[in-house]
Structures are given as structure tokens and as C-alpha cells.
Amino acid sequence: MSYEVTDFNTDVIEKSHHIPVLVDFWAEWCGPCKVLGPVIENLATKNKGQWELVKLDTEQHRDIAQHYDIQGIPNVKMFVDGEVKDEFTGALPERSIIEWLKKALPSRYADQLKQATELLNNGQGPEAQSKLNEILEGEPDNAQAAVLLAQTYLQEDPDRVISLLKSIEPDSDLFDLAEGLRTIAALFQYLKSPEGLAEDPVKQTYLLAIEHLRNTEFSEALQHFIRVVEQNREYDDEGARRACIAIFKTLGESHEITRQYRRPFSNALYS
């Protein structure tokens, strides 16, 4: 089967609005290209219907190679909706390419994820939970759905949050948010079992901070956590410091509360 491009606009740009298109930029003189080519072609056959492969000889299509700033080959770019979504350079082994594809390919549940996000933003938590559970049944490794669903359970079921997020590791784009949610969920467990915390003059302040956090009173929570950092930073394995960072991660760096308390938090850490 020939994967060579005939018309780039038709074979790649237009088609990528319907199905992801992987473009393998190669050349006849390139040894690593000849190693990678059969691997990519084999994966294209195995994954037919999920994405399509197009091969482009950079010697025959120098204008396109220049337009996409090809500095070295083999270079593989994934096109989605007419744009480059992800890429890699070099003759990666098949296992590495498969891992790359898992992260780079758009979810087939993209529309449902969008709907679930809108439901959450509109305060329709139960409806969002139902849709997100359906997504995870069909695509168990969908990290975005797991994080969204974890957010809906944060107040009512911290154990479920930790379980949902256990597979999200540092190489994920969602790791910081997942780590923040895991930290907060672990803190909420202290409200059920405060005896798990060591006795200390800051204990009640720490528990009050967690209670404010449980009630989504972020300003009050940060004020009390910062007070704990100032009085006993080491308490609960620097739990107050980790809690502040978790709040900042879940709210986002541009959030008004994050901007308001970043400096007081830094001052408490380094005073």
C-alpha cells in the first residue's frame, strides 16, 4: 500500500478535520527513515480507523518541508483539524511510538468531555458525573475525564478521588492538577479522623484550614494554612505548605485568590 502524499491540502489538511493524520517526513537518502518507515506503516495498519498515515518525501516537496520547519528527519507530525497537534523526530522504537500515540491522539470522546465540562460549569454535577463515568467505561485511561470526575467527588468521597487519579503520573500534562486534588482529598480524610494528626499547638488551626477548604472557602483556608507554615512548617510533613500549593494548582495561577496569596505564602516560607 502506498502512503505517499499526492495533494497535501487534500490528503492531510482537509482529511485531518475528519480523522487524525500522521505525516512521516522522510527522504530516500535517510537511513533512520528507512528504519522508522516500516514501523509506522505497521502501526497504521493495526490502527486503521483511528488515524491515517501520509508519507512526504522532503526532497520532492521542499516547499512543504520548509513551511513546517523540518530541521531533521525522520520527523512525524500529527495533524488534527488542519493543525499540527504533536510531533517527534528520530527513529523511535515501536513501544515509544505507541506511548506517544496514546498521549497525542485526541480522545474519541472529545465532544462528550466538552459537554461534561459545560455541565460542571453550570453546576450540574450529577449529570456531569454520569457522562464522565460513561467516558471512563469506554476509555479507562482518559486522564482528562478522570480529573474532571475526581473534582466532582472531592467534597463527598475523597477516597474515590485518590483512586481515580492514582494512574496519572508526572509525564502527564494533568499531573499538577491531579497532584493538587490528591493532596486535598488526603487532607479531607483528617476531618473524619482528626486523631490521625499529631498533637501540637497548630493542630486546631490546621483542622480549621481544612474545614474551610472543604467548604470551598479558599481565602480563609489559605490564611490558616499560611499561619501554620509560619508557626510550625514541619507539621504533618509540611502539610500546610503542600496544601497551599495544592490550592494554587487547582485554582490555577491566573486565579485572583492564587495571585492574592502567592506573596504571603512565599513570605511565610522564607521569613
C-alpha atoms as a PDB file:
ATOM      1  CA  MET A   1       0.000   0.000   0.000  1.00  0.00           C
ATOM      2  CA  SER A   2       1.321   3.440  -0.937  1.00  0.00           C
ATOM      3  CA  TYR A   3       1.112   6.155   1.684  1.00  0.00           C
ATOM      4  CA  GLU A   4       2.884   8.799  -0.405  1.00  0.00           C
ATOM      5  CA  VAL A   5       1.220  12.195  -0.492  1.00  0.00           C
ATOM      6  CA  THR A   6      -0.429  13.261  -3.738  1.00  0.00           C
ATOM      7  CA  ASP A   7      -2.022  16.557  -2.699  1.00  0.00           C
ATOM      8  CA  PHE A   8      -1.020  17.826   0.753  1.00  0.00           C
ATOM      9  CA  ASN A   9      -4.074  20.011   1.252  1.00  0.00           C
ATOM     10  CA  THR A  10      -6.474  17.170   0.403  1.00  0.00           C
ATOM     11  CA  ASP A  11      -4.542  14.249   1.919  1.00  0.00           C
ATOM     12  CA  VAL A  12      -3.576  15.994   5.155  1.00  0.00           C
ATOM     13  CA  ILE A  13      -5.216  19.341   5.904  1.00  0.00           C
ATOM     14  CA  GLU A  14      -8.763  18.536   4.774  1.00  0.00           C
ATOM     15  CA  LYS A  15      -8.694  14.909   5.896  1.00  0.00           C
ATOM     16  CA  SER A  16      -7.435  15.827   9.378  1.00  0.00           C
ATOM     17  CA  HIS A  17     -10.778  17.533  10.042  1.00  0.00           C
ATOM     18  CA  HIS A  18     -12.341  14.060   9.956  1.00  0.00           C
ATOM     19  CA  ILE A  19      -9.593  11.781  11.280  1.00  0.00           C
ATOM     20  CA  PRO A  20      -6.102  12.435  12.731  1.00  0.00           C
ATOM     21  CA  VAL A  21      -3.402  12.260  10.053  1.00  0.00           C
ATOM     22  CA  LEU A  22       0.216  11.322  10.809  1.00  0.00           C
ATOM     23  CA  VAL A  23       2.691  12.724   8.309  1.00  0.00           C
ATOM     24  CA  ASP A  24       6.050  10.967   8.076  1.00  0.00           C
ATOM     25  CA  PHE A  25       8.575  13.450   6.637  1.00  0.00           C
ATOM     26  CA  TRP A  26      11.369  11.347   5.108  1.00  0.00           C
ATOM     27  CA  ALA A  27      13.907  11.146   2.282  1.00  0.00           C
ATOM     28  CA  GLU A  28      15.471   8.318   0.262  1.00  0.00           C
ATOM     29  CA  TRP A  29      18.994   9.108   1.493  1.00  0.00           C
ATOM     30  CA  CYS A  30      17.964   8.986   5.186  1.00  0.00           C
ATOM     31  CA  GLY A  31      18.961   5.723   6.895  1.00  0.00           C
ATOM     32  CA  PRO A  32      16.872   6.217  10.077  1.00  0.00           C
ATOM     33  CA  CYS A  33      13.861   6.997   7.857  1.00  0.00           C
ATOM     34  CA  LYS A  34      14.098   3.516   6.364  1.00  0.00           C
ATOM     35  CA  VAL A  35      14.133   2.063   9.880  1.00  0.00           C
ATOM     36  CA  LEU A  36      11.138   4.076  11.075  1.00  0.00           C
ATOM     37  CA  GLY A  37       9.055   3.748   7.918  1.00  0.00           C
ATOM     38  CA  PRO A  38       8.038   0.079   8.231  1.00  0.00           C
ATOM     39  CA  VAL A  39       7.284   0.519  11.958  1.00  0.00           C
ATOM     40  CA  ILE A  40       4.939   3.447  11.304  1.00  0.00           C
ATOM     41  CA  GLU A  41       3.302   1.635   8.374  1.00  0.00           C
ATOM     42  CA  ASN A  42       2.710  -1.456  10.512  1.00  0.00           C
ATOM     43  CA  LEU A  43       1.083   0.670  13.230  1.00  0.00           C
ATOM     44  CA  ALA A  44      -1.051   2.425  10.621  1.00  0.00           C
ATOM     45  CA  THR A  45      -2.408  -0.962   9.523  1.00  0.00           C
ATOM     46  CA  LYS A  46      -3.085  -2.053  13.107  1.00  0.00           C
ATOM     47  CA  ASN A  47      -4.786   1.238  13.975  1.00  0.00           C
ATOM     48  CA  LYS A  48      -6.824   1.664  10.810  1.00  0.00           C
ATOM     49  CA  GLY A  49      -9.850   3.807  11.536  1.00  0.00           C
ATOM     50  CA  GLN A  50      -8.162   5.642  14.431  1.00  0.00           C
ATOM     51  CA  TRP A  51      -5.659   7.640  12.367  1.00  0.00           C
ATOM     52  CA  GLU A  52      -4.222   7.663   8.861  1.00  0.00           C
ATOM     53  CA  LEU A  53      -0.651   7.780   7.615  1.00  0.00           C
ATOM     54  CA  VAL A  54       0.737  10.008   4.879  1.00  0.00           C
ATOM     55  CA  LYS A  55       4.403   9.924   3.853  1.00  0.00           C
ATOM     56  CA  LEU A  56       6.081  13.004   2.435  1.00  0.00           C
ATOM     57  CA  ASP A  57       9.469  12.925   0.690  1.00  0.00           C
ATOM     58  CA  THR A  58      11.188  16.155   1.751  1.00  0.00           C
ATOM     59  CA  GLU A  59      13.334  16.120  -1.394  1.00  0.00           C
ATOM     60  CA  GLN A  60      10.242  16.043  -3.613  1.00  0.00           C
ATOM     61  CA  HIS A  61       8.243  18.535  -1.510  1.00  0.00           C
ATOM     62  CA  ARG A  62      10.822  21.001  -0.243  1.00  0.00           C
ATOM     63  CA  ASP A  63       8.318  23.829  -0.036  1.00  0.00           C
ATOM     64  CA  ILE A  64       6.086  21.904   2.387  1.00  0.00           C
ATOM     65  CA  ALA A  65       9.081  20.731   4.435  1.00  0.00           C
ATOM     66  CA  GLN A  66      10.276  24.330   4.698  1.00  0.00           C
ATOM     67  CA  HIS A  67       6.795  25.563   5.640  1.00  0.00           C
ATOM     68  CA  TYR A  68       6.680  23.101   8.555  1.00  0.00           C
ATOM     69  CA  ASP A  69      10.258  23.910   9.582  1.00  0.00           C
ATOM     70  CA  ILE A  70      11.650  20.400   9.142  1.00  0.00           C
ATOM     71  CA  GLN A  71      15.136  20.566  10.675  1.00  0.00           C
ATOM     72  CA  GLY A  72      15.833  16.852  10.858  1.00  0.00           C
ATOM     73  CA  ILE A  73      14.322  13.638   9.557  1.00  0.00           C
ATOM     74  CA  PRO A  74      12.585  11.371  10.107  1.00  0.00           C
ATOM     75  CA  ASN A  75      10.042  13.762  11.553  1.00  0.00           C
ATOM     76  CA  VAL A  76       6.489  12.674  12.339  1.00  0.00           C
ATOM     77  CA  LYS A  77       3.748  15.242  12.856  1.00  0.00           C
ATOM     78  CA  MET A  78       0.167  14.598  13.877  1.00  0.00           C
ATOM     79  CA  PHE A  79      -2.385  16.846  12.195  1.00  0.00           C
ATOM     80  CA  VAL A  80      -5.785  17.414  13.804  1.00  0.00           C
ATOM     81  CA  ASP A  81      -8.303  19.895  12.401  1.00  0.00           C
ATOM     82  CA  GLY A  82      -5.715  21.200   9.966  1.00  0.00           C
ATOM     83  CA  GLU A  83      -3.067  21.968  12.605  1.00  0.00           C
ATOM     84  CA  VAL A  84       0.000  20.175  13.980  1.00  0.00           C
ATOM     85  CA  LYS A  85      -1.051  18.817  17.383  1.00  0.00           C
ATOM     86  CA  ASP A  86       2.124  16.909  18.291  1.00  0.00           C
ATOM     87  CA  GLU A  87       5.324  15.569  16.747  1.00  0.00           C
ATOM     88  CA  PHE A  88       8.563  13.685  17.285  1.00  0.00           C
ATOM     89  CA  THR A  89      11.904  13.446  15.476  1.00  0.00           C
ATOM     90  CA  GLY A  90      14.089  10.380  15.055  1.00  0.00           C
ATOM     91  CA  ALA A  91      13.606   6.645  14.579  1.00  0.00           C
ATOM     92  CA  LEU A  92      11.820   5.821  17.831  1.00  0.00           C
ATOM     93  CA  PRO A  93      11.187   2.157  18.710  1.00  0.00           C
ATOM     94  CA  GLU A  94       7.645   0.859  18.286  1.00  0.00           C
ATOM     95  CA  ARG A  95       6.910   0.856  22.042  1.00  0.00           C
ATOM     96  CA  SER A  96       7.841   4.547  22.320  1.00  0.00           C
ATOM     97  CA  ILE A  97       5.692   5.442  19.317  1.00  0.00           C
ATOM     98  CA  ILE A  98       2.711   3.618  20.842  1.00  0.00           C
ATOM     99  CA  GLU A  99       3.151   5.595  24.081  1.00  0.00           C
ATOM    100  CA  TRP A 100       3.421   8.810  22.083  1.00  0.00           C
ATOM    101  CA  LEU A 101       0.228   7.983  20.216  1.00  0.00           C
ATOM    102  CA  LYS A 102      -1.665   7.424  23.481  1.00  0.00           C
ATOM    103  CA  LYS A 103      -0.875  10.980  24.546  1.00  0.00           C
ATOM    104  CA  ALA A 104      -1.069  12.680  21.155  1.00  0.00           C
ATOM    105  CA  LEU A 105      -4.260  11.206  19.714  1.00  0.00           C
ATOM    106  CA  PRO A 106      -7.381  13.208  20.533  1.00  0.00           C
ATOM    107  CA  SER A 107      -9.975  11.364  22.566  1.00  0.00           C
ATOM    108  CA  ARG A 108     -12.868   9.897  20.621  1.00  0.00           C
ATOM    109  CA  TYR A 109     -14.965  11.249  23.470  1.00  0.00           C
ATOM    110  CA  ALA A 110     -13.916  14.867  22.898  1.00  0.00           C
ATOM    111  CA  ASP A 111     -17.493  16.058  22.364  1.00  0.00           C
ATOM    112  CA  GLN A 112     -18.711  14.264  25.483  1.00  0.00           C
ATOM    113  CA  LEU A 113     -15.846  15.758  27.506  1.00  0.00           C
ATOM    114  CA  LYS A 114     -16.833  19.202  26.317  1.00  0.00           C
ATOM    115  CA  GLN A 115     -20.442  18.551  27.330  1.00  0.00           C
ATOM    116  CA  ALA A 116     -19.363  17.283  30.768  1.00  0.00           C
ATOM    117  CA  THR A 117     -17.231  20.388  31.309  1.00  0.00           C
ATOM    118  CA  GLU A 118     -20.168  22.613  30.432  1.00  0.00           C
ATOM    119  CA  LEU A 119     -22.397  20.690  32.848  1.00  0.00           C
ATOM    120  CA  LEU A 120     -19.847  21.165  35.628  1.00  0.00           C
ATOM    121  CA  ASN A 121     -19.533  24.873  34.888  1.00  0.00           C
ATOM    122  CA  ASN A 122     -23.331  25.137  35.098  1.00  0.00           C
ATOM    123  CA  GLY A 123     -23.430  23.418  38.477  1.00  0.00           C
ATOM    124  CA  GLN A 124     -24.953  20.194  37.131  1.00  0.00           C
ATOM    125  CA  GLY A 125     -22.620  17.832  39.000  1.00  0.00           C
ATOM    126  CA  PRO A 126     -24.726  14.623  38.922  1.00  0.00           C
ATOM    127  CA  GLU A 127     -25.313  14.917  35.170  1.00  0.00           C
ATOM    128  CA  ALA A 128     -21.586  15.524  34.623  1.00  0.00           C
ATOM    129  CA  GLN A 129     -20.702  12.518  36.799  1.00  0.00           C
ATOM    130  CA  SER A 130     -22.958  10.273  34.716  1.00  0.00           C
ATOM    131  CA  LYS A 131     -21.401  11.408  31.441  1.00  0.00           C
ATOM    132  CA  LEU A 132     -17.833  11.156  32.764  1.00  0.00           C
ATOM    133  CA  ASN A 133     -18.415   7.652  34.109  1.00  0.00           C
ATOM    134  CA  GLU A 134     -19.642   6.634  30.644  1.00  0.00           C
ATOM    135  CA  ILE A 135     -16.469   8.044  29.079  1.00  0.00           C
ATOM    136  CA  LEU A 136     -14.213   6.172  31.515  1.00  0.00           C
ATOM    137  CA  GLU A 137     -16.070   2.934  30.849  1.00  0.00           C
ATOM    138  CA  GLY A 138     -15.231   3.256  27.169  1.00  0.00           C
ATOM    139  CA  GLU A 139     -11.785   4.811  27.620  1.00  0.00           C
ATOM    140  CA  PRO A 140     -10.376   3.901  31.073  1.00  0.00           C
ATOM    141  CA  ASP A 141      -7.094   5.747  30.538  1.00  0.00           C
ATOM    142  CA  ASN A 142      -8.739   9.078  29.682  1.00  0.00           C
ATOM    143  CA  ALA A 143      -6.886  11.316  32.146  1.00  0.00           C
ATOM    144  CA  GLN A 144      -8.997  14.386  31.444  1.00  0.00           C
ATOM    145  CA  ALA A 145     -12.217  12.548  32.261  1.00  0.00           C
ATOM    146  CA  ALA A 146     -10.641  11.104  35.423  1.00  0.00           C
ATOM    147  CA  VAL A 147      -9.572  14.536  36.648  1.00  0.00           C
ATOM    148  CA  LEU A 148     -12.956  16.089  35.918  1.00  0.00           C
ATOM    149  CA  LEU A 149     -14.761  13.231  37.656  1.00  0.00           C
ATOM    150  CA  ALA A 150     -12.398  13.436  40.633  1.00  0.00           C
ATOM    151  CA  GLN A 151     -13.294  17.109  41.032  1.00  0.00           C
ATOM    152  CA  THR A 152     -16.981  16.202  41.339  1.00  0.00           C
ATOM    153  CA  TYR A 153     -16.232  13.716  44.143  1.00  0.00           C
ATOM    154  CA  LEU A 154     -13.759  15.883  46.055  1.00  0.00           C
ATOM    155  CA  GLN A 155     -16.223  17.007  48.726  1.00  0.00           C
ATOM    156  CA  GLU A 156     -18.259  13.811  49.137  1.00  0.00           C
ATOM    157  CA  ASP A 157     -15.821  10.948  48.555  1.00  0.00           C
ATOM    158  CA  PRO A 158     -12.079  11.737  48.959  1.00  0.00           C
ATOM    159  CA  ASP A 159     -11.196   8.032  48.712  1.00  0.00           C
ATOM    160  CA  ARG A 160     -12.763   7.896  45.249  1.00  0.00           C
ATOM    161  CA  VAL A 161     -10.701  10.918  44.210  1.00  0.00           C
ATOM    162  CA  ILE A 162      -7.445   9.233  45.174  1.00  0.00           C
ATOM    163  CA  SER A 163      -8.484   6.046  43.361  1.00  0.00           C
ATOM    164  CA  LEU A 164      -9.457   7.883  40.171  1.00  0.00           C
ATOM    165  CA  LEU A 165      -6.165   9.758  39.989  1.00  0.00           C
ATOM    166  CA  LYS A 166      -3.700   7.056  41.013  1.00  0.00           C
ATOM    167  CA  SER A 167      -2.629   6.331  37.422  1.00  0.00           C
ATOM    168  CA  ILE A 168      -1.818   9.952  36.491  1.00  0.00           C
ATOM    169  CA  GLU A 169       1.962  10.230  36.619  1.00  0.00           C
ATOM    170  CA  PRO A 170       4.491  13.096  36.276  1.00  0.00           C
ATOM    171  CA  ASP A 171       4.721  12.755  32.479  1.00  0.00           C
ATOM    172  CA  SER A 172       1.040  13.731  32.141  1.00  0.00           C
ATOM    173  CA  ASP A 173       0.058  17.310  31.308  1.00  0.00           C
ATOM    174  CA  LEU A 174      -2.582  16.956  34.025  1.00  0.00           C
ATOM    175  CA  PHE A 175      -0.179  15.781  36.735  1.00  0.00           C
ATOM    176  CA  ASP A 176      -0.014  19.091  38.634  1.00  0.00           C
ATOM    177  CA  LEU A 177      -3.798  19.352  38.845  1.00  0.00           C
ATOM    178  CA  ALA A 178      -4.143  15.669  39.761  1.00  0.00           C
ATOM    179  CA  GLU A 179      -1.476  16.011  42.446  1.00  0.00           C
ATOM    180  CA  GLY A 180      -3.270  19.026  43.883  1.00  0.00           C
ATOM    181  CA  LEU A 181      -6.558  17.122  44.032  1.00  0.00           C
ATOM    182  CA  ARG A 182      -4.876  14.092  45.615  1.00  0.00           C
ATOM    183  CA  THR A 183      -3.326  16.293  48.288  1.00  0.00           C
ATOM    184  CA  ILE A 184      -6.647  17.963  49.089  1.00  0.00           C
ATOM    185  CA  ALA A 185      -8.500  14.627  49.184  1.00  0.00           C
ATOM    186  CA  ALA A 186      -5.946  13.259  51.672  1.00  0.00           C
ATOM    187  CA  LEU A 187      -6.422  16.350  53.865  1.00  0.00           C
ATOM    188  CA  PHE A 188     -10.193  15.874  53.911  1.00  0.00           C
ATOM    189  CA  GLN A 189      -9.713  12.445  55.454  1.00  0.00           C
ATOM    190  CA  TYR A 190      -8.422  14.171  58.598  1.00  0.00           C
ATOM    191  CA  LEU A 191     -11.854  15.687  59.147  1.00  0.00           C
ATOM    192  CA  LYS A 192     -13.197  12.169  59.689  1.00  0.00           C
ATOM    193  CA  SER A 193     -10.194  11.004  61.719  1.00  0.00           C
ATOM    194  CA  PRO A 194      -8.518  14.003  63.392  1.00  0.00           C
ATOM    195  CA  GLU A 195      -6.791  11.613  65.784  1.00  0.00           C
ATOM    196  CA  GLY A 196      -4.503  10.785  62.877  1.00  0.00           C
ATOM    197  CA  LEU A 197      -2.816  14.132  63.379  1.00  0.00           C
ATOM    198  CA  ALA A 198      -0.139  14.639  65.991  1.00  0.00           C
ATOM    199  CA  GLU A 199      -0.980  16.839  68.951  1.00  0.00           C
ATOM    200  CA  ASP A 200       0.530  20.290  68.506  1.00  0.00           C
ATOM    201  CA  PRO A 201      -0.458  23.912  69.200  1.00  0.00           C
ATOM    202  CA  VAL A 202      -1.152  24.342  65.458  1.00  0.00           C
ATOM    203  CA  LYS A 203      -3.415  21.288  65.158  1.00  0.00           C
ATOM    204  CA  GLN A 204      -6.710  23.151  65.569  1.00  0.00           C
ATOM    205  CA  THR A 205      -5.628  25.868  63.148  1.00  0.00           C
ATOM    206  CA  TYR A 206      -4.678  23.158  60.653  1.00  0.00           C
ATOM    207  CA  LEU A 207      -8.033  21.392  61.022  1.00  0.00           C
ATOM    208  CA  LEU A 208      -9.880  24.702  60.709  1.00  0.00           C
ATOM    209  CA  ALA A 209      -7.978  25.407  57.493  1.00  0.00           C
ATOM    210  CA  ILE A 210      -9.033  22.001  56.130  1.00  0.00           C
ATOM    211  CA  GLU A 211     -12.648  22.685  57.120  1.00  0.00           C
ATOM    212  CA  HIS A 212     -12.584  25.992  55.241  1.00  0.00           C
ATOM    213  CA  LEU A 213     -11.098  24.181  52.245  1.00  0.00           C
ATOM    214  CA  ARG A 214     -13.849  21.538  52.408  1.00  0.00           C
ATOM    215  CA  ASN A 215     -16.380  24.386  52.253  1.00  0.00           C
ATOM    216  CA  THR A 216     -14.511  25.903  49.258  1.00  0.00           C
ATOM    217  CA  GLU A 217     -13.661  28.955  51.369  1.00  0.00           C
ATOM    218  CA  PHE A 218     -10.253  29.252  49.744  1.00  0.00           C
ATOM    219  CA  SER A 219      -9.197  32.603  51.154  1.00  0.00           C
ATOM    220  CA  GLU A 220      -9.901  31.539  54.725  1.00  0.00           C
ATOM    221  CA  ALA A 221      -8.225  28.176  54.143  1.00  0.00           C
ATOM    222  CA  LEU A 222      -5.067  29.802  52.799  1.00  0.00           C
ATOM    223  CA  GLN A 223      -4.955  32.288  55.669  1.00  0.00           C
ATOM    224  CA  HIS A 224      -4.993  29.461  58.216  1.00  0.00           C
ATOM    225  CA  PHE A 225      -2.579  27.229  56.297  1.00  0.00           C
ATOM    226  CA  ILE A 226      -0.139  30.132  55.990  1.00  0.00           C
ATOM    227  CA  ARG A 227      -0.434  30.676  59.754  1.00  0.00           C
ATOM    228  CA  VAL A 228       0.528  27.030  60.298  1.00  0.00           C
ATOM    229  CA  VAL A 229       3.527  27.439  57.953  1.00  0.00           C
ATOM    230  CA  GLU A 230       4.647  30.444  59.993  1.00  0.00           C
ATOM    231  CA  GLN A 231       4.257  28.676  63.358  1.00  0.00           C
ATOM    232  CA  ASN A 232       5.323  25.116  62.553  1.00  0.00           C
ATOM    233  CA  ARG A 233       6.221  24.464  58.925  1.00  0.00           C
ATOM    234  CA  GLU A 234       7.171  20.828  59.621  1.00  0.00           C
ATOM    235  CA  TYR A 235       3.740  19.882  60.990  1.00  0.00           C
ATOM    236  CA  ASP A 236       2.142  16.885  59.209  1.00  0.00           C
ATOM    237  CA  ASP A 237       5.158  16.513  56.931  1.00  0.00           C
ATOM    238  CA  GLU A 238       4.852  20.149  55.807  1.00  0.00           C
ATOM    239  CA  GLY A 239       1.164  19.564  55.189  1.00  0.00           C
ATOM    240  CA  ALA A 240       0.240  23.256  55.263  1.00  0.00           C
ATOM    241  CA  ARG A 241       2.864  24.091  52.630  1.00  0.00           C
ATOM    242  CA  ARG A 242       1.655  21.242  50.430  1.00  0.00           C
ATOM    243  CA  ALA A 243      -1.958  22.332  50.962  1.00  0.00           C
ATOM    244  CA  CYS A 244      -1.253  25.883  49.770  1.00  0.00           C
ATOM    245  CA  ILE A 245       0.490  24.599  46.658  1.00  0.00           C
ATOM    246  CA  ALA A 246      -2.429  22.206  46.016  1.00  0.00           C
ATOM    247  CA  ILE A 247      -4.926  25.062  46.230  1.00  0.00           C
ATOM    248  CA  PHE A 248      -2.870  27.162  43.823  1.00  0.00           C
ATOM    249  CA  LYS A 249      -2.663  24.237  41.383  1.00  0.00           C
ATOM    250  CA  THR A 250      -6.385  23.511  41.455  1.00  0.00           C
ATOM    251  CA  LEU A 251      -7.426  27.154  41.169  1.00  0.00           C
ATOM    252  CA  GLY A 252      -4.793  27.958  38.536  1.00  0.00           C
ATOM    253  CA  GLU A 253      -2.021  30.540  38.542  1.00  0.00           C
ATOM    254  CA  SER A 254      -4.217  33.230  36.998  1.00  0.00           C
ATOM    255  CA  HIS A 255      -6.970  32.930  39.628  1.00  0.00           C
ATOM    256  CA  GLU A 256      -7.481  36.032  41.746  1.00  0.00           C
ATOM    257  CA  ILE A 257      -7.070  34.117  45.023  1.00  0.00           C
ATOM    258  CA  THR A 258      -3.836  32.490  43.824  1.00  0.00           C
ATOM    259  CA  ARG A 259      -2.409  35.874  42.900  1.00  0.00           C
ATOM    260  CA  GLN A 260      -3.542  37.350  46.224  1.00  0.00           C
ATOM    261  CA  TYR A 261      -1.917  34.703  48.431  1.00  0.00           C
ATOM    262  CA  ARG A 262       1.224  33.777  46.496  1.00  0.00           C
ATOM    263  CA  ARG A 263       3.290  36.527  48.126  1.00  0.00           C
ATOM    264  CA  PRO A 264       2.084  35.947  51.734  1.00  0.00           C
ATOM    265  CA  PHE A 265       2.764  32.240  51.216  1.00  0.00           C
ATOM    266  CA  SER A 266       6.307  32.913  49.950  1.00  0.00           C
ATOM    267  CA  ASN A 267       6.924  35.317  52.820  1.00  0.00           C
ATOM    268  CA  ALA A 268       5.836  32.657  55.321  1.00  0.00           C
ATOM    269  CA  LEU A 269       8.146  30.084  53.716  1.00  0.00           C
ATOM    270  CA  TYR A 270      11.239  32.255  53.708  1.00  0.00           C
ATOM    271  CA  SER A 271      10.750  34.510  56.700  1.00  0.00           C
END
